[in-house]
Amino acid sequence: MKEKNGDTSLTLGIDLGGTKLEVVLTDRAGEIVTSNRLPTDSHRGAEAVIADIVKGVNLCLDEAGKPATALGVGTAGQIEKETGLVRLSPNLGWQNVPLKTKLEQALDIPVMVTNDVRAVTYGEWQYGAGKGIDDIACVFVGTGIGGGIVIDGKLLEGCTNSGGELGHLTIMVDGRKCTCRNRGCYEAYAGGWAIAERAQEAAQADPEAGRALIELAGNPDRISAVTVTEAYNKGDALAGVIVKETVRYLAAGLVSIINAFNPRLVVLGGGVIQGMPEYLPMTEEIVRRDALESALEGISIVAPALGGKAGAIGAAALARDGLLK
């Protein structure tokens, strides 16, 4: 691919998830030069996953026939900014893994490690739906809920690099137990696992009303957010109730985010939203009713623009901008 503006600088980006490892090689315009995807197989341990990262990077570089100037990695969990230590990543089952150090030793290029949704936010801000906008909020609803905030053209990090944990905003005091130490978190009501949990409870409480959900899943314990979407699309009444509740919870979190940060743009995405795009307009309707009028002036609520490679593209851009300045 011809490099934009005559710049030959290439940067690697990785989206490291619990099930897949996405590697991209990008130019300065965020265009993908080469890419590949490998299974994560995190059960094999950190050393095996890191070996696969090195393999994926070398595949991209061999295909491009050019070196990269830096590598950015986005992964779910708590990351030490300076050291690149993955303090905790539940999706990978990692604790205190020195990812930056190990990759720099193996690849001999500068490495930056960041939170996965922060990488997605940066990608959407630089090259996607938020391009040219200096105040954005990104909320991604998958198994859990992650987020990222850009204010006055600066990506929010926080004093200990934990800024943007939007999924753990409290929307219900003494509410449902979250996967963190708290109760009533945004994620505990509107995340994919929470949608599944609420649906399972509803079907078990009233098996007759939950018949469609149970039949689709095979048994009540296997009902998932995907099951709810499938039943909803078939016109099931209980699924409709669960979706309506989920929209209210999604909106409650977005209202708090909009009132607190006053973004010009909200990007609402993730696997749950992608699986049922109706969540976006249904949620927006309530947000525009309930948020502060001043915070809503000129705001747009949109879907992501970069698709499934946003995290890897954003990680590459963060590495380029953060390491090479």
C-alpha atoms as a PDB file:
ATOM      1  CA  MET A   1       0.000   0.000   0.000  1.00  0.00           C
ATOM      2  CA  LYS A   2       1.291   3.445  -0.858  1.00  0.00           C
ATOM      3  CA  GLU A   3       2.017   5.420   2.292  1.00  0.00           C
ATOM      4  CA  LYS A   4       0.045   8.634   2.804  1.00  0.00           C
ATOM      5  CA  ASN A   5       1.936  11.941   2.525  1.00  0.00           C
ATOM      6  CA  GLY A   6       5.108  10.116   1.558  1.00  0.00           C
ATOM      7  CA  ASP A   7       5.655   8.975   5.180  1.00  0.00           C
ATOM      8  CA  THR A   8       7.126   5.482   5.370  1.00  0.00           C
ATOM      9  CA  SER A   9       6.636   5.103   9.134  1.00  0.00           C
ATOM     10  CA  LEU A  10       4.648   1.991  10.016  1.00  0.00           C
ATOM     11  CA  THR A  11       3.287   1.071  13.435  1.00  0.00           C
ATOM     12  CA  LEU A  12       1.958  -2.218  14.779  1.00  0.00           C
ATOM     13  CA  GLY A  13      -1.230  -2.496  16.803  1.00  0.00           C
ATOM     14  CA  ILE A  14      -2.654  -5.456  18.701  1.00  0.00           C
ATOM     15  CA  ASP A  15      -6.101  -6.066  20.150  1.00  0.00           C
ATOM     16  CA  LEU A  16      -5.534  -8.823  22.711  1.00  0.00           C
ATOM     17  CA  GLY A  17      -8.782 -10.406  23.864  1.00  0.00           C
ATOM     18  CA  GLY A  18      -9.771 -13.529  25.719  1.00  0.00           C
ATOM     19  CA  THR A  19     -10.516 -15.462  22.515  1.00  0.00           C
ATOM     20  CA  LYS A  20      -8.647 -13.751  19.675  1.00  0.00           C
ATOM     21  CA  LEU A  21      -5.486 -11.826  18.942  1.00  0.00           C
ATOM     22  CA  GLU A  22      -5.788  -9.199  16.191  1.00  0.00           C
ATOM     23  CA  VAL A  23      -2.551  -7.782  14.749  1.00  0.00           C
ATOM     24  CA  VAL A  24      -2.432  -4.882  12.286  1.00  0.00           C
ATOM     25  CA  LEU A  25       0.354  -2.918  10.643  1.00  0.00           C
ATOM     26  CA  THR A  26      -0.792   0.638   9.926  1.00  0.00           C
ATOM     27  CA  ASP A  27       0.534   3.749   8.243  1.00  0.00           C
ATOM     28  CA  ARG A  28       0.309   7.257   9.660  1.00  0.00           C
ATOM     29  CA  ALA A  29      -3.188   7.733   8.213  1.00  0.00           C
ATOM     30  CA  GLY A  30      -4.463   4.728  10.177  1.00  0.00           C
ATOM     31  CA  GLU A  31      -4.776   2.643   7.007  1.00  0.00           C
ATOM     32  CA  ILE A  32      -4.104  -1.067   7.461  1.00  0.00           C
ATOM     33  CA  VAL A  33      -1.140  -2.304   5.437  1.00  0.00           C
ATOM     34  CA  THR A  34      -1.295  -5.933   6.605  1.00  0.00           C
ATOM     35  CA  SER A  35      -3.176  -7.801   9.316  1.00  0.00           C
ATOM     36  CA  ASN A  36      -3.716 -11.245  10.754  1.00  0.00           C
ATOM     37  CA  ARG A  37      -5.735 -12.904  13.488  1.00  0.00           C
ATOM     38  CA  LEU A  38      -4.808 -15.764  15.779  1.00  0.00           C
ATOM     39  CA  PRO A  39      -6.717 -17.524  18.571  1.00  0.00           C
ATOM     40  CA  THR A  40      -5.610 -16.396  22.021  1.00  0.00           C
ATOM     41  CA  ASP A  41      -6.039 -19.735  23.825  1.00  0.00           C
ATOM     42  CA  SER A  42      -5.314 -17.973  27.097  1.00  0.00           C
ATOM     43  CA  HIS A  43      -5.620 -21.203  29.064  1.00  0.00           C
ATOM     44  CA  ARG A  44      -2.085 -22.056  27.882  1.00  0.00           C
ATOM     45  CA  GLY A  45      -0.653 -19.269  30.008  1.00  0.00           C
ATOM     46  CA  ALA A  46       0.995 -15.902  29.445  1.00  0.00           C
ATOM     47  CA  GLU A  47       4.228 -17.182  27.902  1.00  0.00           C
ATOM     48  CA  ALA A  48       2.356 -19.054  25.155  1.00  0.00           C
ATOM     49  CA  VAL A  49       0.152 -16.048  24.374  1.00  0.00           C
ATOM     50  CA  ILE A  50       3.172 -13.752  24.211  1.00  0.00           C
ATOM     51  CA  ALA A  51       4.853 -16.213  21.808  1.00  0.00           C
ATOM     52  CA  ASP A  52       1.755 -15.999  19.592  1.00  0.00           C
ATOM     53  CA  ILE A  53       1.894 -12.189  19.692  1.00  0.00           C
ATOM     54  CA  VAL A  54       5.490 -12.354  18.466  1.00  0.00           C
ATOM     55  CA  LYS A  55       4.422 -14.791  15.744  1.00  0.00           C
ATOM     56  CA  GLY A  56       1.572 -12.513  14.614  1.00  0.00           C
ATOM     57  CA  VAL A  57       3.852  -9.472  14.545  1.00  0.00           C
ATOM     58  CA  ASN A  58       6.477 -11.273  12.472  1.00  0.00           C
ATOM     59  CA  LEU A  59       3.827 -12.476  10.017  1.00  0.00           C
ATOM     60  CA  CYS A  60       2.718  -8.866   9.431  1.00  0.00           C
ATOM     61  CA  LEU A  61       6.264  -7.575   9.055  1.00  0.00           C
ATOM     62  CA  ASP A  62       7.242 -10.386   6.681  1.00  0.00           C
ATOM     63  CA  GLU A  63       4.203  -9.707   4.506  1.00  0.00           C
ATOM     64  CA  ALA A  64       4.883  -5.967   4.397  1.00  0.00           C
ATOM     65  CA  GLY A  65       8.620  -6.339   3.873  1.00  0.00           C
ATOM     66  CA  LYS A  66       9.189  -3.236   6.007  1.00  0.00           C
ATOM     67  CA  PRO A  67      10.092  -2.622   9.664  1.00  0.00           C
ATOM     68  CA  ALA A  68       7.779  -1.074  12.244  1.00  0.00           C
ATOM     69  CA  THR A  69       8.745   1.821  14.493  1.00  0.00           C
ATOM     70  CA  ALA A  70       6.613   0.869  17.516  1.00  0.00           C
ATOM     71  CA  LEU A  71       4.021  -1.597  18.812  1.00  0.00           C
ATOM     72  CA  GLY A  72       0.854  -0.805  20.748  1.00  0.00           C
ATOM     73  CA  VAL A  73      -1.133  -3.447  22.614  1.00  0.00           C
ATOM     74  CA  GLY A  74      -4.666  -3.001  23.925  1.00  0.00           C
ATOM     75  CA  THR A  75      -6.000  -5.558  26.385  1.00  0.00           C
ATOM     76  CA  ALA A  76      -8.769  -5.665  28.959  1.00  0.00           C
ATOM     77  CA  GLY A  77      -7.628  -5.031  32.508  1.00  0.00           C
ATOM     78  CA  GLN A  78      -5.601  -2.778  34.743  1.00  0.00           C
ATOM     79  CA  ILE A  79      -2.322  -1.625  33.185  1.00  0.00           C
ATOM     80  CA  GLU A  80       0.635   0.216  34.710  1.00  0.00           C
ATOM     81  CA  LYS A  81       1.298   2.988  32.201  1.00  0.00           C
ATOM     82  CA  GLU A  82       5.066   3.378  32.485  1.00  0.00           C
ATOM     83  CA  THR A  83       6.045  -0.269  32.933  1.00  0.00           C
ATOM     84  CA  GLY A  84       3.385  -1.875  30.738  1.00  0.00           C
ATOM     85  CA  LEU A  85       2.719  -4.397  33.495  1.00  0.00           C
ATOM     86  CA  VAL A  86      -0.671  -6.106  33.195  1.00  0.00           C
ATOM     87  CA  ARG A  87      -1.658  -5.993  36.848  1.00  0.00           C
ATOM     88  CA  LEU A  88      -4.934  -7.828  36.332  1.00  0.00           C
ATOM     89  CA  SER A  89      -6.710  -9.092  33.221  1.00  0.00           C
ATOM     90  CA  PRO A  90      -9.690 -11.331  34.089  1.00  0.00           C
ATOM     91  CA  ASN A  91     -10.324 -12.130  30.412  1.00  0.00           C
ATOM     92  CA  LEU A  92      -6.836 -13.603  30.093  1.00  0.00           C
ATOM     93  CA  GLY A  93      -6.467 -14.892  33.639  1.00  0.00           C
ATOM     94  CA  TRP A  94      -3.305 -12.776  34.041  1.00  0.00           C
ATOM     95  CA  GLN A  95      -1.857 -11.153  37.123  1.00  0.00           C
ATOM     96  CA  ASN A  96       1.320  -9.060  37.137  1.00  0.00           C
ATOM     97  CA  VAL A  97       2.489 -10.046  33.650  1.00  0.00           C
ATOM     98  CA  PRO A  98       5.344  -7.771  32.387  1.00  0.00           C
ATOM     99  CA  LEU A  99       3.962  -7.667  28.857  1.00  0.00           C
ATOM    100  CA  LYS A 100       5.844  -4.567  27.670  1.00  0.00           C
ATOM    101  CA  THR A 101       9.215  -5.870  28.879  1.00  0.00           C
ATOM    102  CA  LYS A 102       8.782  -9.317  27.357  1.00  0.00           C
ATOM    103  CA  LEU A 103       7.650  -7.977  23.968  1.00  0.00           C
ATOM    104  CA  GLU A 104      10.455  -5.416  23.779  1.00  0.00           C
ATOM    105  CA  GLN A 105      12.978  -8.148  24.523  1.00  0.00           C
ATOM    106  CA  ALA A 106      11.505 -10.447  21.868  1.00  0.00           C
ATOM    107  CA  LEU A 107      10.923  -7.860  19.126  1.00  0.00           C
ATOM    108  CA  ASP A 108      13.490  -5.110  19.814  1.00  0.00           C
ATOM    109  CA  ILE A 109      11.012  -2.275  19.190  1.00  0.00           C
ATOM    110  CA  PRO A 110       9.345   0.178  21.609  1.00  0.00           C
ATOM    111  CA  VAL A 111       6.079  -1.163  23.072  1.00  0.00           C
ATOM    112  CA  MET A 112       3.126   0.598  24.708  1.00  0.00           C
ATOM    113  CA  VAL A 113       0.459  -1.388  26.599  1.00  0.00           C
ATOM    114  CA  THR A 114      -2.949   0.145  27.309  1.00  0.00           C
ATOM    115  CA  ASN A 115      -6.517  -0.765  28.192  1.00  0.00           C
ATOM    116  CA  ASP A 116      -8.398  -2.225  25.223  1.00  0.00           C
ATOM    117  CA  VAL A 117     -11.359   0.170  25.255  1.00  0.00           C
ATOM    118  CA  ARG A 118      -9.046   3.144  25.646  1.00  0.00           C
ATOM    119  CA  ALA A 119      -7.336   1.930  22.470  1.00  0.00           C
ATOM    120  CA  VAL A 120     -10.721   1.662  20.729  1.00  0.00           C
ATOM    121  CA  THR A 121     -11.586   5.180  21.897  1.00  0.00           C
ATOM    122  CA  TYR A 122      -8.326   6.552  20.547  1.00  0.00           C
ATOM    123  CA  GLY A 123      -8.868   4.812  17.210  1.00  0.00           C
ATOM    124  CA  GLU A 124     -12.397   6.164  16.832  1.00  0.00           C
ATOM    125  CA  TRP A 125     -11.189   9.637  17.834  1.00  0.00           C
ATOM    126  CA  GLN A 126      -8.252   9.766  15.448  1.00  0.00           C
ATOM    127  CA  TYR A 127      -9.639   7.887  12.444  1.00  0.00           C
ATOM    128  CA  GLY A 128     -13.272   6.944  12.992  1.00  0.00           C
ATOM    129  CA  ALA A 129     -16.569   8.423  14.136  1.00  0.00           C
ATOM    130  CA  GLY A 130     -14.873  11.014  16.352  1.00  0.00           C
ATOM    131  CA  LYS A 131     -12.313  12.303  13.870  1.00  0.00           C
ATOM    132  CA  GLY A 132     -11.957  16.065  14.187  1.00  0.00           C
ATOM    133  CA  ILE A 133     -13.945  16.235  17.448  1.00  0.00           C
ATOM    134  CA  ASP A 134     -12.104  17.058  20.672  1.00  0.00           C
ATOM    135  CA  ASP A 135     -14.759  16.002  23.210  1.00  0.00           C
ATOM    136  CA  ILE A 136     -16.045  12.448  22.866  1.00  0.00           C
ATOM    137  CA  ALA A 137     -17.235   9.593  25.056  1.00  0.00           C
ATOM    138  CA  CYS A 138     -17.048   5.985  23.883  1.00  0.00           C
ATOM    139  CA  VAL A 139     -19.113   3.258  25.551  1.00  0.00           C
ATOM    140  CA  PHE A 140     -18.715  -0.326  24.395  1.00  0.00           C
ATOM    141  CA  VAL A 141     -21.171  -2.930  25.588  1.00  0.00           C
ATOM    142  CA  GLY A 142     -19.875  -6.462  25.220  1.00  0.00           C
ATOM    143  CA  THR A 143     -19.647  -9.132  27.879  1.00  0.00           C
ATOM    144  CA  GLY A 144     -18.941  -6.193  30.197  1.00  0.00           C
ATOM    145  CA  ILE A 145     -18.974  -2.446  29.622  1.00  0.00           C
ATOM    146  CA  GLY A 146     -15.837  -0.461  28.858  1.00  0.00           C
ATOM    147  CA  GLY A 147     -15.360   3.154  27.983  1.00  0.00           C
ATOM    148  CA  GLY A 148     -13.050   5.960  27.126  1.00  0.00           C
ATOM    149  CA  ILE A 149     -13.224   9.750  27.365  1.00  0.00           C
ATOM    150  CA  VAL A 150     -11.536  12.475  25.325  1.00  0.00           C
ATOM    151  CA  ILE A 151     -11.827  15.988  26.791  1.00  0.00           C
ATOM    152  CA  ASP A 152     -10.363  19.097  25.122  1.00  0.00           C
ATOM    153  CA  GLY A 153      -8.378  16.881  22.768  1.00  0.00           C
ATOM    154  CA  LYS A 154      -6.806  14.807  25.559  1.00  0.00           C
ATOM    155  CA  LEU A 155      -7.456  11.143  26.300  1.00  0.00           C
ATOM    156  CA  LEU A 156      -8.492  10.765  29.942  1.00  0.00           C
ATOM    157  CA  GLU A 157      -6.105   8.480  31.834  1.00  0.00           C
ATOM    158  CA  GLY A 158      -6.420   9.400  35.511  1.00  0.00           C
ATOM    159  CA  CYS A 159      -3.706   9.588  38.149  1.00  0.00           C
ATOM    160  CA  THR A 160      -3.193   5.806  38.264  1.00  0.00           C
ATOM    161  CA  ASN A 161      -4.073   5.083  34.604  1.00  0.00           C
ATOM    162  CA  SER A 162      -7.567   3.847  35.548  1.00  0.00           C
ATOM    163  CA  GLY A 163      -9.592   6.702  34.072  1.00  0.00           C
ATOM    164  CA  GLY A 164     -12.570   5.800  31.897  1.00  0.00           C
ATOM    165  CA  GLU A 165     -13.881   2.783  33.836  1.00  0.00           C
ATOM    166  CA  LEU A 166     -17.395   3.757  32.781  1.00  0.00           C
ATOM    167  CA  GLY A 167     -18.782   0.261  33.270  1.00  0.00           C
ATOM    168  CA  HIS A 168     -18.300   0.673  37.002  1.00  0.00           C
ATOM    169  CA  LEU A 169     -20.314   3.826  37.448  1.00  0.00           C
ATOM    170  CA  THR A 170     -22.936   3.155  40.131  1.00  0.00           C
ATOM    171  CA  ILE A 171     -26.437   3.451  38.698  1.00  0.00           C
ATOM    172  CA  MET A 172     -28.225   1.634  41.544  1.00  0.00           C
ATOM    173  CA  VAL A 173     -27.196   1.944  45.199  1.00  0.00           C
ATOM    174  CA  ASP A 174     -27.013  -1.515  46.839  1.00  0.00           C
ATOM    175  CA  GLY A 175     -27.999  -2.993  43.500  1.00  0.00           C
ATOM    176  CA  ARG A 176     -26.968  -6.150  41.684  1.00  0.00           C
ATOM    177  CA  LYS A 177     -23.563  -7.641  42.479  1.00  0.00           C
ATOM    178  CA  CYS A 178     -20.931  -6.711  39.917  1.00  0.00           C
ATOM    179  CA  THR A 179     -17.837  -8.671  38.904  1.00  0.00           C
ATOM    180  CA  CYS A 180     -15.859  -5.967  40.722  1.00  0.00           C
ATOM    181  CA  ARG A 181     -16.135  -5.409  44.484  1.00  0.00           C
ATOM    182  CA  ASN A 182     -19.152  -3.108  44.177  1.00  0.00           C
ATOM    183  CA  ARG A 183     -22.891  -3.408  43.693  1.00  0.00           C
ATOM    184  CA  GLY A 184     -25.164  -1.535  41.313  1.00  0.00           C
ATOM    185  CA  CYS A 185     -22.585  -0.905  38.576  1.00  0.00           C
ATOM    186  CA  TYR A 186     -23.602   0.079  35.048  1.00  0.00           C
ATOM    187  CA  GLU A 187     -22.098  -3.197  33.807  1.00  0.00           C
ATOM    188  CA  ALA A 188     -24.077  -5.222  36.369  1.00  0.00           C
ATOM    189  CA  TYR A 189     -27.309  -4.129  34.671  1.00  0.00           C
ATOM    190  CA  ALA A 190     -26.503  -3.494  31.003  1.00  0.00           C
ATOM    191  CA  GLY A 191     -23.428  -5.602  30.249  1.00  0.00           C
ATOM    192  CA  GLY A 192     -23.854  -8.785  28.243  1.00  0.00           C
ATOM    193  CA  TRP A 193     -23.326 -11.058  31.240  1.00  0.00           C
ATOM    194  CA  ALA A 194     -25.870  -9.042  33.232  1.00  0.00           C
ATOM    195  CA  ILE A 195     -28.478  -9.207  30.455  1.00  0.00           C
ATOM    196  CA  ALA A 196     -27.996 -12.972  30.452  1.00  0.00           C
ATOM    197  CA  GLU A 197     -28.251 -13.161  34.242  1.00  0.00           C
ATOM    198  CA  ARG A 198     -31.442 -11.101  34.363  1.00  0.00           C
ATOM    199  CA  ALA A 199     -32.990 -13.187  31.578  1.00  0.00           C
ATOM    200  CA  GLN A 200     -32.089 -16.447  33.304  1.00  0.00           C
ATOM    201  CA  GLU A 201     -33.696 -15.245  36.541  1.00  0.00           C
ATOM    202  CA  ALA A 202     -36.857 -14.146  34.723  1.00  0.00           C
ATOM    203  CA  ALA A 203     -37.195 -17.439  32.844  1.00  0.00           C
ATOM    204  CA  GLN A 204     -36.642 -19.495  35.980  1.00  0.00           C
ATOM    205  CA  ALA A 205     -39.172 -17.422  37.943  1.00  0.00           C
ATOM    206  CA  ASP A 206     -41.823 -17.929  35.241  1.00  0.00           C
ATOM    207  CA  PRO A 207     -40.965 -20.902  32.962  1.00  0.00           C
ATOM    208  CA  GLU A 208     -44.128 -20.441  30.939  1.00  0.00           C
ATOM    209  CA  ALA A 209     -43.275 -16.832  30.077  1.00  0.00           C
ATOM    210  CA  GLY A 210     -39.658 -17.879  29.519  1.00  0.00           C
ATOM    211  CA  ARG A 211     -40.475 -20.814  27.267  1.00  0.00           C
ATOM    212  CA  ALA A 212     -39.085 -19.213  24.085  1.00  0.00           C
ATOM    213  CA  LEU A 213     -35.843 -18.202  25.785  1.00  0.00           C
ATOM    214  CA  ILE A 214     -35.401 -21.661  27.317  1.00  0.00           C
ATOM    215  CA  GLU A 215     -36.115 -23.427  24.024  1.00  0.00           C
ATOM    216  CA  LEU A 216     -33.636 -21.256  22.137  1.00  0.00           C
ATOM    217  CA  ALA A 217     -30.904 -21.759  24.738  1.00  0.00           C
ATOM    218  CA  GLY A 218     -31.572 -25.409  25.563  1.00  0.00           C
ATOM    219  CA  ASN A 219     -31.930 -24.763  29.304  1.00  0.00           C
ATOM    220  CA  PRO A 220     -32.341 -21.680  31.530  1.00  0.00           C
ATOM    221  CA  ASP A 221     -28.684 -21.595  32.603  1.00  0.00           C
ATOM    222  CA  ARG A 222     -27.539 -21.187  28.996  1.00  0.00           C
ATOM    223  CA  ILE A 223     -29.659 -18.147  28.200  1.00  0.00           C
ATOM    224  CA  SER A 224     -27.360 -15.374  26.947  1.00  0.00           C
ATOM    225  CA  ALA A 225     -27.656 -11.818  25.665  1.00  0.00           C
ATOM    226  CA  VAL A 226     -27.666 -13.326  22.174  1.00  0.00           C
ATOM    227  CA  THR A 227     -30.606 -15.540  23.179  1.00  0.00           C
ATOM    228  CA  VAL A 228     -32.516 -12.470  24.323  1.00  0.00           C
ATOM    229  CA  THR A 229     -31.878 -10.747  20.995  1.00  0.00           C
ATOM    230  CA  GLU A 230     -33.004 -13.814  19.034  1.00  0.00           C
ATOM    231  CA  ALA A 231     -36.193 -14.141  21.080  1.00  0.00           C
ATOM    232  CA  TYR A 232     -36.861 -10.404  20.816  1.00  0.00           C
ATOM    233  CA  ASN A 233     -36.563 -10.571  17.021  1.00  0.00           C
ATOM    234  CA  LYS A 234     -39.145 -13.390  17.062  1.00  0.00           C
ATOM    235  CA  GLY A 235     -41.556 -11.187  19.007  1.00  0.00           C
ATOM    236  CA  ASP A 236     -41.263 -12.935  22.389  1.00  0.00           C
ATOM    237  CA  ALA A 237     -42.953 -10.922  25.142  1.00  0.00           C
ATOM    238  CA  LEU A 238     -40.474 -11.684  27.961  1.00  0.00           C
ATOM    239  CA  ALA A 239     -37.515 -10.846  25.733  1.00  0.00           C
ATOM    240  CA  GLY A 240     -39.256  -7.571  24.945  1.00  0.00           C
ATOM    241  CA  VAL A 241     -39.484  -6.762  28.653  1.00  0.00           C
ATOM    242  CA  ILE A 242     -35.788  -7.556  29.169  1.00  0.00           C
ATOM    243  CA  VAL A 243     -34.765  -5.425  26.185  1.00  0.00           C
ATOM    244  CA  LYS A 244     -36.891  -2.533  27.434  1.00  0.00           C
ATOM    245  CA  GLU A 245     -35.260  -2.789  30.883  1.00  0.00           C
ATOM    246  CA  THR A 246     -31.804  -2.945  29.275  1.00  0.00           C
ATOM    247  CA  VAL A 247     -32.515   0.214  27.284  1.00  0.00           C
ATOM    248  CA  ARG A 248     -33.454   2.019  30.504  1.00  0.00           C
ATOM    249  CA  TYR A 249     -30.201   0.912  32.136  1.00  0.00           C
ATOM    250  CA  LEU A 250     -28.124   1.827  29.092  1.00  0.00           C
ATOM    251  CA  ALA A 251     -29.731   5.254  29.047  1.00  0.00           C
ATOM    252  CA  ALA A 252     -29.188   5.792  32.785  1.00  0.00           C
ATOM    253  CA  GLY A 253     -25.452   5.270  32.380  1.00  0.00           C
ATOM    254  CA  LEU A 254     -25.224   7.473  29.292  1.00  0.00           C
ATOM    255  CA  VAL A 255     -27.150  10.281  30.993  1.00  0.00           C
ATOM    256  CA  SER A 256     -24.621  10.267  33.841  1.00  0.00           C
ATOM    257  CA  ILE A 257     -21.692  10.232  31.409  1.00  0.00           C
ATOM    258  CA  ILE A 258     -23.125  13.045  29.291  1.00  0.00           C
ATOM    259  CA  ASN A 259     -23.971  15.188  32.318  1.00  0.00           C
ATOM    260  CA  ALA A 260     -20.521  14.632  33.849  1.00  0.00           C
ATOM    261  CA  PHE A 261     -18.282  15.051  30.787  1.00  0.00           C
ATOM    262  CA  ASN A 262     -20.365  17.135  28.349  1.00  0.00           C
ATOM    263  CA  PRO A 263     -19.065  15.427  25.176  1.00  0.00           C
ATOM    264  CA  ARG A 264     -19.878  16.606  21.671  1.00  0.00           C
ATOM    265  CA  LEU A 265     -20.142  12.997  20.497  1.00  0.00           C
ATOM    266  CA  VAL A 266     -21.049   9.677  22.111  1.00  0.00           C
ATOM    267  CA  VAL A 267     -19.957   6.500  20.335  1.00  0.00           C
ATOM    268  CA  LEU A 268     -22.076   3.547  21.474  1.00  0.00           C
ATOM    269  CA  GLY A 269     -20.843   0.170  20.290  1.00  0.00           C
ATOM    270  CA  GLY A 270     -19.655  -3.276  21.313  1.00  0.00           C
ATOM    271  CA  GLY A 271     -20.918  -6.770  20.600  1.00  0.00           C
ATOM    272  CA  VAL A 272     -24.293  -6.349  22.318  1.00  0.00           C
ATOM    273  CA  ILE A 273     -25.091  -3.184  20.336  1.00  0.00           C
ATOM    274  CA  GLN A 274     -23.727  -4.666  17.126  1.00  0.00           C
ATOM    275  CA  GLY A 275     -25.938  -7.736  17.636  1.00  0.00           C
ATOM    276  CA  MET A 276     -29.026  -5.584  18.087  1.00  0.00           C
ATOM    277  CA  PRO A 277     -28.566  -2.122  16.533  1.00  0.00           C
ATOM    278  CA  GLU A 278     -32.031  -1.107  17.755  1.00  0.00           C
ATOM    279  CA  TYR A 279     -30.508  -0.546  21.184  1.00  0.00           C
ATOM    280  CA  LEU A 280     -28.884   2.670  19.934  1.00  0.00           C
ATOM    281  CA  PRO A 281     -31.971   4.655  18.814  1.00  0.00           C
ATOM    282  CA  MET A 282     -34.079   3.284  21.679  1.00  0.00           C
ATOM    283  CA  THR A 283     -31.444   4.368  24.200  1.00  0.00           C
ATOM    284  CA  GLU A 284     -30.932   7.748  22.532  1.00  0.00           C
ATOM    285  CA  GLU A 285     -34.625   8.551  22.836  1.00  0.00           C
ATOM    286  CA  ILE A 286     -34.487   8.237  26.637  1.00  0.00           C
ATOM    287  CA  VAL A 287     -31.141  10.027  26.906  1.00  0.00           C
ATOM    288  CA  ARG A 288     -32.501  13.042  25.029  1.00  0.00           C
ATOM    289  CA  ARG A 289     -35.455  13.103  27.393  1.00  0.00           C
ATOM    290  CA  ASP A 290     -33.501  12.783  30.657  1.00  0.00           C
ATOM    291  CA  ALA A 291     -30.041  14.376  30.289  1.00  0.00           C
ATOM    292  CA  LEU A 292     -29.413  18.040  31.104  1.00  0.00           C
ATOM    293  CA  GLU A 293     -30.547  20.277  28.265  1.00  0.00           C
ATOM    294  CA  SER A 294     -27.280  22.192  28.268  1.00  0.00           C
ATOM    295  CA  ALA A 295     -25.282  18.952  27.992  1.00  0.00           C
ATOM    296  CA  LEU A 296     -27.393  17.811  25.037  1.00  0.00           C
ATOM    297  CA  GLU A 297     -26.828  20.912  22.911  1.00  0.00           C
ATOM    298  CA  GLY A 298     -25.249  19.845  19.625  1.00  0.00           C
ATOM    299  CA  ILE A 299     -24.538  16.300  20.809  1.00  0.00           C
ATOM    300  CA  SER A 300     -24.601  13.269  18.490  1.00  0.00           C
ATOM    301  CA  ILE A 301     -24.932   9.625  19.551  1.00  0.00           C
ATOM    302  CA  VAL A 302     -23.580   7.301  16.883  1.00  0.00           C
ATOM    303  CA  ALA A 303     -22.279   3.812  16.145  1.00  0.00           C
ATOM    304  CA  PRO A 304     -18.526   3.158  15.793  1.00  0.00           C
ATOM    305  CA  ALA A 305     -16.977   3.626  12.352  1.00  0.00           C
ATOM    306  CA  LEU A 306     -13.933   1.338  12.444  1.00  0.00           C
ATOM    307  CA  GLY A 307     -15.594  -2.000  13.118  1.00  0.00           C
ATOM    308  CA  GLY A 308     -13.760  -4.885  14.759  1.00  0.00           C
ATOM    309  CA  LYS A 309     -10.275  -3.526  14.073  1.00  0.00           C
ATOM    310  CA  ALA A 310     -10.760  -0.278  16.021  1.00  0.00           C
ATOM    311  CA  GLY A 311      -8.836  -1.575  19.029  1.00  0.00           C
ATOM    312  CA  ALA A 312      -5.791  -2.635  17.049  1.00  0.00           C
ATOM    313  CA  ILE A 313      -5.800   0.547  14.945  1.00  0.00           C
ATOM    314  CA  GLY A 314      -6.128   2.659  18.093  1.00  0.00           C
ATOM    315  CA  ALA A 315      -3.340   0.772  19.873  1.00  0.00           C
ATOM    316  CA  ALA A 316      -1.043   1.410  16.905  1.00  0.00           C
ATOM    317  CA  ALA A 317      -1.924   5.115  16.911  1.00  0.00           C
ATOM    318  CA  LEU A 318      -1.362   5.401  20.670  1.00  0.00           C
ATOM    319  CA  ALA A 319       2.051   3.795  20.320  1.00  0.00           C
ATOM    320  CA  ARG A 320       2.974   6.109  17.452  1.00  0.00           C
ATOM    321  CA  ASP A 321       1.823   9.260  19.218  1.00  0.00           C
ATOM    322  CA  GLY A 322       2.923   8.291  22.711  1.00  0.00           C
ATOM    323  CA  LEU A 323       6.280   6.619  22.062  1.00  0.00           C
ATOM    324  CA  LEU A 324       7.615   8.394  19.001  1.00  0.00           C
ATOM    325  CA  LYS A 325       7.019  12.030  19.926  1.00  0.00           C
END
